[in-house]
N, C-alpha and C. Protein backbone atom coordinates (compact mmCIF):
# COMPACT_ATOMS: atom_id res chain seq x y z
N UNK A 1 40.47 6.09 3.75
CA UNK A 1 39.59 6.36 4.87
C UNK A 1 40.07 5.59 6.09
N UNK A 2 39.99 6.19 7.22
CA UNK A 2 40.35 5.58 8.48
C UNK A 2 39.48 4.35 8.73
N UNK A 3 40.10 3.22 9.08
CA UNK A 3 39.32 2.01 9.31
C UNK A 3 38.48 2.08 10.57
N UNK A 4 38.70 3.09 11.38
CA UNK A 4 37.89 3.28 12.58
C UNK A 4 36.71 4.20 12.34
N UNK A 5 36.59 4.75 11.16
CA UNK A 5 35.53 5.72 10.86
C UNK A 5 34.15 5.09 10.96
N UNK A 6 33.21 5.93 11.36
CA UNK A 6 31.81 5.53 11.38
C UNK A 6 31.23 5.73 9.99
N UNK A 7 30.45 4.76 9.55
CA UNK A 7 29.77 4.83 8.26
C UNK A 7 28.27 4.86 8.51
N UNK A 8 27.60 5.79 7.86
CA UNK A 8 26.15 5.92 7.97
C UNK A 8 25.52 5.31 6.72
N UNK A 9 24.52 4.45 6.93
CA UNK A 9 23.77 3.87 5.81
C UNK A 9 22.29 4.18 6.02
N UNK A 10 21.71 5.06 5.19
CA UNK A 10 20.27 5.31 5.29
C UNK A 10 19.47 4.07 4.88
N UNK A 11 18.34 3.86 5.55
CA UNK A 11 17.56 2.64 5.38
C UNK A 11 16.08 2.99 5.21
N UNK A 12 15.43 2.35 4.23
CA UNK A 12 14.00 2.55 4.04
C UNK A 12 13.28 1.22 3.78
N UNK A 13 13.92 0.11 4.10
CA UNK A 13 13.39 -1.23 3.94
C UNK A 13 13.28 -1.66 2.47
N UNK A 14 13.81 -0.87 1.56
CA UNK A 14 13.78 -1.23 0.14
C UNK A 14 14.95 -2.15 -0.19
N UNK A 15 14.87 -2.81 -1.33
CA UNK A 15 16.00 -3.62 -1.79
C UNK A 15 17.22 -2.76 -2.05
N UNK A 16 16.98 -1.49 -2.41
CA UNK A 16 18.09 -0.57 -2.66
C UNK A 16 18.87 -0.30 -1.37
N UNK A 17 18.16 -0.08 -0.27
CA UNK A 17 18.88 0.18 0.98
C UNK A 17 19.54 -1.10 1.50
N UNK A 18 18.94 -2.25 1.23
CA UNK A 18 19.58 -3.52 1.60
C UNK A 18 20.89 -3.68 0.84
N UNK A 19 20.89 -3.31 -0.44
CA UNK A 19 22.11 -3.40 -1.25
C UNK A 19 23.18 -2.44 -0.72
N UNK A 20 22.77 -1.25 -0.28
CA UNK A 20 23.72 -0.28 0.27
C UNK A 20 24.35 -0.80 1.56
N UNK A 21 23.54 -1.41 2.41
CA UNK A 21 24.07 -1.96 3.66
C UNK A 21 25.02 -3.13 3.38
N UNK A 22 24.65 -3.97 2.45
CA UNK A 22 25.53 -5.08 2.06
C UNK A 22 26.85 -4.54 1.51
N UNK A 23 26.78 -3.51 0.68
CA UNK A 23 27.98 -2.89 0.12
C UNK A 23 28.89 -2.38 1.25
N UNK A 24 28.29 -1.70 2.21
CA UNK A 24 29.08 -1.16 3.33
C UNK A 24 29.79 -2.29 4.09
N UNK A 25 29.07 -3.38 4.36
CA UNK A 25 29.68 -4.51 5.06
C UNK A 25 30.77 -5.18 4.24
N UNK A 26 30.56 -5.30 2.94
CA UNK A 26 31.55 -5.97 2.09
C UNK A 26 32.82 -5.14 1.93
N UNK A 27 32.67 -3.83 1.77
CA UNK A 27 33.82 -2.99 1.47
C UNK A 27 34.47 -2.34 2.70
N UNK A 28 33.75 -2.29 3.81
CA UNK A 28 34.28 -1.66 5.02
C UNK A 28 33.95 -2.52 6.24
N UNK A 29 34.40 -3.77 6.25
CA UNK A 29 34.00 -4.69 7.33
C UNK A 29 34.52 -4.31 8.71
N UNK A 30 35.60 -3.56 8.78
CA UNK A 30 36.15 -3.22 10.10
C UNK A 30 35.66 -1.87 10.61
N UNK A 31 34.82 -1.21 9.86
CA UNK A 31 34.30 0.09 10.29
C UNK A 31 33.06 -0.07 11.16
N UNK A 32 32.74 1.00 11.85
CA UNK A 32 31.56 1.06 12.70
C UNK A 32 30.39 1.51 11.81
N UNK A 33 29.53 0.57 11.42
CA UNK A 33 28.43 0.88 10.51
C UNK A 33 27.17 1.16 11.32
N UNK A 34 26.57 2.32 11.06
CA UNK A 34 25.33 2.72 11.74
C UNK A 34 24.26 2.91 10.68
N UNK A 35 23.04 2.53 11.01
CA UNK A 35 21.93 2.59 10.06
C UNK A 35 20.87 3.54 10.59
N UNK A 36 20.33 4.37 9.69
CA UNK A 36 19.28 5.30 10.09
C UNK A 36 18.08 5.15 9.16
N UNK A 37 16.90 5.08 9.76
CA UNK A 37 15.65 5.09 9.03
C UNK A 37 14.88 6.33 9.48
N UNK A 38 14.54 7.17 8.53
CA UNK A 38 13.82 8.41 8.87
C UNK A 38 12.37 8.25 8.47
N UNK A 39 11.52 8.38 9.46
CA UNK A 39 10.08 8.28 9.26
C UNK A 39 9.50 9.67 9.10
N UNK A 40 8.52 9.79 8.24
CA UNK A 40 7.88 11.09 8.04
C UNK A 40 6.53 11.08 8.74
N UNK A 41 6.24 12.12 9.53
CA UNK A 41 4.96 12.15 10.24
C UNK A 41 3.81 12.31 9.24
N UNK A 42 2.62 11.87 9.65
CA UNK A 42 1.47 12.01 8.75
C UNK A 42 1.11 13.49 8.54
N UNK A 43 0.39 13.72 7.49
CA UNK A 43 -0.08 15.07 7.18
C UNK A 43 -0.96 15.57 8.33
N UNK A 44 -0.62 16.72 8.93
CA UNK A 44 -1.41 17.21 10.07
C UNK A 44 -2.83 17.62 9.68
N UNK A 45 -3.09 17.77 8.40
CA UNK A 45 -4.43 18.16 7.96
C UNK A 45 -5.28 16.97 7.56
N UNK A 46 -4.72 15.78 7.61
CA UNK A 46 -5.49 14.58 7.28
C UNK A 46 -6.52 14.34 8.37
N UNK A 47 -7.70 13.96 7.98
CA UNK A 47 -8.76 13.72 8.96
C UNK A 47 -8.68 12.30 9.48
N UNK A 48 -9.10 12.13 10.71
CA UNK A 48 -9.18 10.81 11.30
C UNK A 48 -7.87 10.24 11.80
N UNK A 49 -6.82 11.04 11.85
CA UNK A 49 -5.54 10.55 12.34
C UNK A 49 -5.27 11.13 13.72
N UNK A 50 -5.15 10.24 14.67
CA UNK A 50 -4.81 10.64 16.03
C UNK A 50 -3.30 10.47 16.17
N UNK A 51 -2.57 11.57 16.19
CA UNK A 51 -1.11 11.49 16.18
C UNK A 51 -0.53 12.31 17.30
N UNK A 52 0.41 11.74 18.01
CA UNK A 52 1.08 12.44 19.08
C UNK A 52 2.31 11.67 19.49
N UNK A 53 2.92 12.04 20.62
CA UNK A 53 4.15 11.39 21.06
C UNK A 53 4.04 9.87 21.24
N UNK A 54 2.88 9.39 21.73
CA UNK A 54 2.73 7.95 21.93
C UNK A 54 2.71 7.20 20.59
N UNK A 55 2.00 7.75 19.61
CA UNK A 55 1.93 7.11 18.30
C UNK A 55 3.30 7.17 17.61
N UNK A 56 4.00 8.29 17.81
CA UNK A 56 5.33 8.42 17.23
C UNK A 56 6.27 7.38 17.82
N UNK A 57 6.26 7.21 19.12
CA UNK A 57 7.12 6.21 19.76
C UNK A 57 6.75 4.80 19.33
N UNK A 58 5.46 4.54 19.17
CA UNK A 58 5.00 3.24 18.72
C UNK A 58 5.52 2.95 17.30
N UNK A 59 5.49 3.96 16.44
CA UNK A 59 5.99 3.81 15.07
C UNK A 59 7.50 3.55 15.08
N UNK A 60 8.24 4.26 15.92
CA UNK A 60 9.69 4.05 16.03
C UNK A 60 9.98 2.64 16.54
N UNK A 61 9.26 2.21 17.57
CA UNK A 61 9.47 0.87 18.11
C UNK A 61 9.19 -0.21 17.06
N UNK A 62 8.14 -0.04 16.28
CA UNK A 62 7.81 -0.99 15.22
C UNK A 62 8.90 -1.02 14.15
N UNK A 63 9.41 0.15 13.81
CA UNK A 63 10.47 0.26 12.81
C UNK A 63 11.72 -0.47 13.29
N UNK A 64 12.10 -0.25 14.53
CA UNK A 64 13.28 -0.90 15.11
C UNK A 64 13.08 -2.41 15.13
N UNK A 65 11.90 -2.85 15.54
CA UNK A 65 11.61 -4.28 15.59
C UNK A 65 11.69 -4.91 14.19
N UNK A 66 11.11 -4.24 13.21
CA UNK A 66 11.15 -4.75 11.83
C UNK A 66 12.59 -4.81 11.31
N UNK A 67 13.38 -3.78 11.61
CA UNK A 67 14.77 -3.78 11.17
C UNK A 67 15.55 -4.92 11.83
N UNK A 68 15.34 -5.11 13.13
CA UNK A 68 16.05 -6.16 13.85
C UNK A 68 15.80 -7.53 13.21
N UNK A 69 14.57 -7.77 12.76
CA UNK A 69 14.25 -9.05 12.11
C UNK A 69 15.06 -9.21 10.83
N UNK A 70 15.13 -8.17 10.02
CA UNK A 70 15.88 -8.21 8.77
C UNK A 70 17.37 -8.31 9.04
N UNK A 71 17.87 -7.48 9.93
CA UNK A 71 19.31 -7.39 10.19
C UNK A 71 19.86 -8.65 10.84
N UNK A 72 19.12 -9.20 11.80
CA UNK A 72 19.61 -10.39 12.49
C UNK A 72 19.80 -11.54 11.51
N UNK A 73 18.86 -11.68 10.59
CA UNK A 73 18.95 -12.74 9.58
C UNK A 73 20.14 -12.53 8.65
N UNK A 74 20.35 -11.29 8.21
CA UNK A 74 21.38 -11.01 7.20
C UNK A 74 22.74 -10.63 7.78
N UNK A 75 22.77 -9.96 8.92
CA UNK A 75 24.03 -9.39 9.42
C UNK A 75 24.37 -9.76 10.84
N UNK A 76 23.55 -10.52 11.49
CA UNK A 76 23.78 -10.85 12.89
C UNK A 76 23.25 -9.75 13.79
N UNK A 77 23.49 -9.87 15.05
CA UNK A 77 22.99 -8.88 16.00
C UNK A 77 24.05 -7.84 16.29
N UNK A 78 23.65 -6.76 16.92
CA UNK A 78 24.59 -5.74 17.36
C UNK A 78 24.76 -4.56 16.43
N UNK A 79 24.06 -4.55 15.32
CA UNK A 79 24.14 -3.42 14.40
C UNK A 79 23.33 -2.27 14.98
N UNK A 80 23.95 -1.09 15.11
CA UNK A 80 23.26 0.04 15.72
C UNK A 80 22.34 0.71 14.71
N UNK A 81 21.08 0.83 15.10
CA UNK A 81 20.01 1.33 14.23
C UNK A 81 19.33 2.51 14.89
N UNK A 82 19.13 3.57 14.11
CA UNK A 82 18.44 4.76 14.59
C UNK A 82 17.17 4.93 13.78
N UNK A 83 16.04 5.14 14.44
CA UNK A 83 14.78 5.46 13.77
C UNK A 83 14.33 6.80 14.33
N UNK A 84 14.11 7.74 13.44
CA UNK A 84 13.74 9.09 13.85
C UNK A 84 12.71 9.67 12.90
N UNK A 85 12.00 10.67 13.38
CA UNK A 85 11.05 11.39 12.54
C UNK A 85 11.70 12.66 12.02
N UNK A 86 11.33 13.06 10.81
CA UNK A 86 11.83 14.31 10.26
C UNK A 86 11.99 14.23 8.75
N UNK A 87 12.67 15.23 8.23
CA UNK A 87 12.97 15.27 6.79
C UNK A 87 14.18 14.37 6.58
N UNK A 88 14.08 13.35 5.71
CA UNK A 88 15.14 12.34 5.62
C UNK A 88 16.56 12.90 5.43
N UNK A 89 16.77 13.75 4.45
CA UNK A 89 18.13 14.25 4.19
C UNK A 89 18.68 15.00 5.41
N UNK A 90 17.87 15.82 6.03
CA UNK A 90 18.32 16.58 7.19
C UNK A 90 18.71 15.67 8.36
N UNK A 91 17.91 14.62 8.59
CA UNK A 91 18.20 13.72 9.70
C UNK A 91 19.46 12.88 9.43
N UNK A 92 19.64 12.48 8.18
CA UNK A 92 20.84 11.71 7.82
C UNK A 92 22.09 12.57 8.05
N UNK A 93 22.04 13.81 7.59
CA UNK A 93 23.17 14.74 7.77
C UNK A 93 23.40 15.03 9.25
N UNK A 94 22.33 15.22 10.00
CA UNK A 94 22.45 15.51 11.43
C UNK A 94 23.16 14.35 12.15
N UNK A 95 22.76 13.12 11.83
CA UNK A 95 23.40 11.96 12.48
C UNK A 95 24.87 11.84 12.06
N UNK A 96 25.15 12.06 10.79
CA UNK A 96 26.54 11.99 10.32
C UNK A 96 27.41 13.00 11.06
N UNK A 97 26.90 14.20 11.26
CA UNK A 97 27.66 15.22 12.00
C UNK A 97 27.81 14.84 13.47
N UNK A 98 26.72 14.38 14.07
CA UNK A 98 26.73 14.01 15.49
C UNK A 98 27.75 12.91 15.77
N UNK A 99 27.84 11.94 14.86
CA UNK A 99 28.75 10.81 15.05
C UNK A 99 30.11 11.02 14.41
N UNK A 100 30.30 12.20 13.82
CA UNK A 100 31.54 12.52 13.12
C UNK A 100 31.87 11.41 12.10
N UNK A 101 30.86 11.08 11.30
CA UNK A 101 30.99 9.99 10.32
C UNK A 101 32.05 10.31 9.28
N UNK A 102 32.73 9.27 8.84
CA UNK A 102 33.73 9.41 7.81
C UNK A 102 33.18 9.14 6.42
N UNK A 103 31.95 8.58 6.35
CA UNK A 103 31.39 8.21 5.06
C UNK A 103 29.89 7.95 5.19
N UNK A 104 29.16 8.26 4.13
CA UNK A 104 27.75 7.88 4.01
C UNK A 104 27.65 7.00 2.77
N UNK A 105 27.02 5.84 2.92
CA UNK A 105 26.76 4.95 1.78
C UNK A 105 25.25 4.96 1.56
N UNK A 106 24.83 5.50 0.42
CA UNK A 106 23.41 5.69 0.16
C UNK A 106 23.05 5.17 -1.23
N UNK A 107 21.87 4.62 -1.34
CA UNK A 107 21.39 4.14 -2.64
C UNK A 107 20.42 5.16 -3.23
N UNK A 108 20.28 5.09 -4.54
CA UNK A 108 19.27 5.92 -5.20
C UNK A 108 18.14 4.99 -5.64
N UNK A 109 16.99 5.57 -5.89
CA UNK A 109 15.84 4.78 -6.33
C UNK A 109 15.56 4.94 -7.81
N UNK A 110 16.28 5.81 -8.47
CA UNK A 110 16.12 5.95 -9.92
C UNK A 110 14.84 6.62 -10.35
N UNK A 111 14.29 7.46 -9.50
CA UNK A 111 13.07 8.18 -9.89
C UNK A 111 13.40 9.21 -10.96
N UNK A 112 12.48 9.38 -11.87
CA UNK A 112 12.66 10.38 -12.92
C UNK A 112 11.34 11.11 -13.14
N UNK A 113 11.41 12.15 -13.92
CA UNK A 113 10.20 12.88 -14.33
C UNK A 113 9.42 13.46 -13.17
N UNK A 114 8.10 13.35 -13.25
CA UNK A 114 7.23 13.94 -12.24
C UNK A 114 7.42 13.31 -10.87
N UNK A 115 7.69 12.02 -10.85
CA UNK A 115 7.90 11.36 -9.56
C UNK A 115 9.08 12.00 -8.82
N UNK A 116 10.17 12.27 -9.53
CA UNK A 116 11.33 12.89 -8.90
C UNK A 116 11.03 14.34 -8.54
N UNK A 117 10.29 15.03 -9.42
CA UNK A 117 9.95 16.42 -9.17
C UNK A 117 9.15 16.57 -7.88
N UNK A 118 8.16 15.70 -7.69
CA UNK A 118 7.30 15.81 -6.52
C UNK A 118 7.90 15.16 -5.28
N UNK A 119 8.59 14.06 -5.44
CA UNK A 119 9.14 13.35 -4.28
C UNK A 119 10.55 13.81 -3.94
N UNK A 120 11.25 14.35 -4.92
CA UNK A 120 12.62 14.76 -4.68
C UNK A 120 13.55 13.57 -4.59
N UNK A 121 14.79 13.84 -4.40
CA UNK A 121 15.78 12.79 -4.26
C UNK A 121 16.52 12.98 -2.94
N UNK A 122 16.29 12.07 -2.02
CA UNK A 122 16.97 12.14 -0.73
C UNK A 122 18.48 12.06 -0.96
N UNK A 123 18.90 11.16 -1.84
CA UNK A 123 20.34 10.99 -2.10
C UNK A 123 20.95 12.30 -2.62
N UNK A 124 20.25 12.96 -3.51
CA UNK A 124 20.76 14.23 -4.06
C UNK A 124 20.84 15.30 -2.97
N UNK A 125 19.82 15.37 -2.11
CA UNK A 125 19.83 16.35 -1.02
C UNK A 125 20.97 16.06 -0.03
N UNK A 126 21.18 14.79 0.27
CA UNK A 126 22.27 14.41 1.18
C UNK A 126 23.60 14.81 0.57
N UNK A 127 23.76 14.54 -0.71
CA UNK A 127 25.01 14.89 -1.40
C UNK A 127 25.27 16.39 -1.34
N UNK A 128 24.24 17.19 -1.52
CA UNK A 128 24.45 18.64 -1.53
C UNK A 128 24.68 19.22 -0.14
N UNK A 129 24.27 18.51 0.92
CA UNK A 129 24.39 19.04 2.28
C UNK A 129 25.52 18.42 3.10
N UNK A 130 26.05 17.31 2.64
CA UNK A 130 27.01 16.56 3.45
C UNK A 130 28.38 17.24 3.53
N UNK A 131 29.00 17.08 4.68
CA UNK A 131 30.37 17.55 4.86
C UNK A 131 31.36 16.38 4.89
N UNK A 132 30.85 15.16 4.72
CA UNK A 132 31.73 13.99 4.65
C UNK A 132 31.55 13.32 3.29
N UNK A 133 32.49 12.49 2.89
CA UNK A 133 32.38 11.81 1.60
C UNK A 133 31.14 10.90 1.54
N UNK A 134 30.68 10.68 0.32
CA UNK A 134 29.49 9.85 0.09
C UNK A 134 29.77 8.86 -1.03
N UNK A 135 29.33 7.64 -0.83
CA UNK A 135 29.29 6.68 -1.92
C UNK A 135 27.81 6.54 -2.27
N UNK A 136 27.47 6.91 -3.51
CA UNK A 136 26.09 6.83 -3.96
C UNK A 136 25.97 5.66 -4.93
N UNK A 137 25.14 4.70 -4.56
CA UNK A 137 24.96 3.50 -5.37
C UNK A 137 23.74 3.69 -6.28
N UNK A 138 23.94 3.68 -7.59
CA UNK A 138 22.82 3.93 -8.50
C UNK A 138 21.79 2.79 -8.47
N UNK A 139 20.56 3.13 -8.76
CA UNK A 139 19.47 2.15 -8.70
C UNK A 139 19.73 0.96 -9.61
N UNK A 140 20.32 1.18 -10.77
CA UNK A 140 20.60 0.06 -11.69
C UNK A 140 21.57 -0.93 -11.06
N UNK A 141 22.56 -0.44 -10.32
CA UNK A 141 23.50 -1.32 -9.63
C UNK A 141 22.76 -2.12 -8.55
N UNK A 142 21.91 -1.43 -7.79
CA UNK A 142 21.16 -2.10 -6.73
C UNK A 142 20.26 -3.19 -7.30
N UNK A 143 19.63 -2.90 -8.44
CA UNK A 143 18.75 -3.89 -9.08
C UNK A 143 19.56 -5.08 -9.59
N UNK A 144 20.73 -4.82 -10.14
CA UNK A 144 21.59 -5.90 -10.60
C UNK A 144 22.06 -6.75 -9.41
N UNK A 145 22.35 -6.12 -8.30
CA UNK A 145 22.76 -6.82 -7.09
C UNK A 145 21.64 -7.74 -6.61
N UNK A 146 20.41 -7.25 -6.64
CA UNK A 146 19.25 -8.06 -6.23
C UNK A 146 19.09 -9.25 -7.17
N UNK A 147 19.22 -9.02 -8.47
CA UNK A 147 19.08 -10.10 -9.45
C UNK A 147 20.17 -11.16 -9.24
N UNK A 148 21.37 -10.72 -8.92
CA UNK A 148 22.47 -11.65 -8.67
C UNK A 148 22.17 -12.52 -7.45
N UNK A 149 21.64 -11.90 -6.40
CA UNK A 149 21.29 -12.65 -5.19
C UNK A 149 20.20 -13.69 -5.48
N UNK A 150 19.22 -13.27 -6.26
CA UNK A 150 18.13 -14.16 -6.62
C UNK A 150 18.64 -15.35 -7.42
N UNK A 151 19.57 -15.07 -8.34
CA UNK A 151 20.16 -16.13 -9.15
C UNK A 151 20.94 -17.11 -8.28
N UNK A 152 21.67 -16.61 -7.29
CA UNK A 152 22.42 -17.47 -6.38
C UNK A 152 21.47 -18.38 -5.60
N UNK A 153 20.33 -17.83 -5.17
CA UNK A 153 19.36 -18.63 -4.42
C UNK A 153 18.75 -19.73 -5.29
N UNK A 154 18.57 -19.44 -6.56
CA UNK A 154 17.98 -20.42 -7.47
C UNK A 154 18.95 -21.55 -7.83
N UNK A 155 20.24 -21.31 -7.69
CA UNK A 155 21.21 -22.34 -8.03
C UNK A 155 21.59 -23.22 -6.83
N UNK A 156 21.13 -22.83 -5.66
CA UNK A 156 21.47 -23.61 -4.45
C UNK A 156 20.54 -24.78 -4.29
């Protein structure tokens, strides 16, 4: 892969997405790493929810602020972060195409059974729609990575 390629890392504030971002930094330190968090709008039929452009922008601003706190501590400043509303897989693919990304690094959450049936798998949808290569990090690997980090903190 070209060392100048842009890498997209989907983000949902989970330990799995943190592991994916760490993986991207460790294995592709000279690449342009971009992070995307896709927010889903509330159910339009839910009662008592006042939702519109102002609330959407407020949610995006909060998401960016929360990410900046996490990223600055772990990765320093200057990491480009996108927060958008929509269907996660579609928005991830749209950004990858827009930026002519050379790679997507995505984690899985390991959902099975009814949970996977009803919630679907963003990673699987991205894999089926992507026109660029993907590194998919399995949930068991992400969990092992988290355990390793925890163990390192306990020995310090």
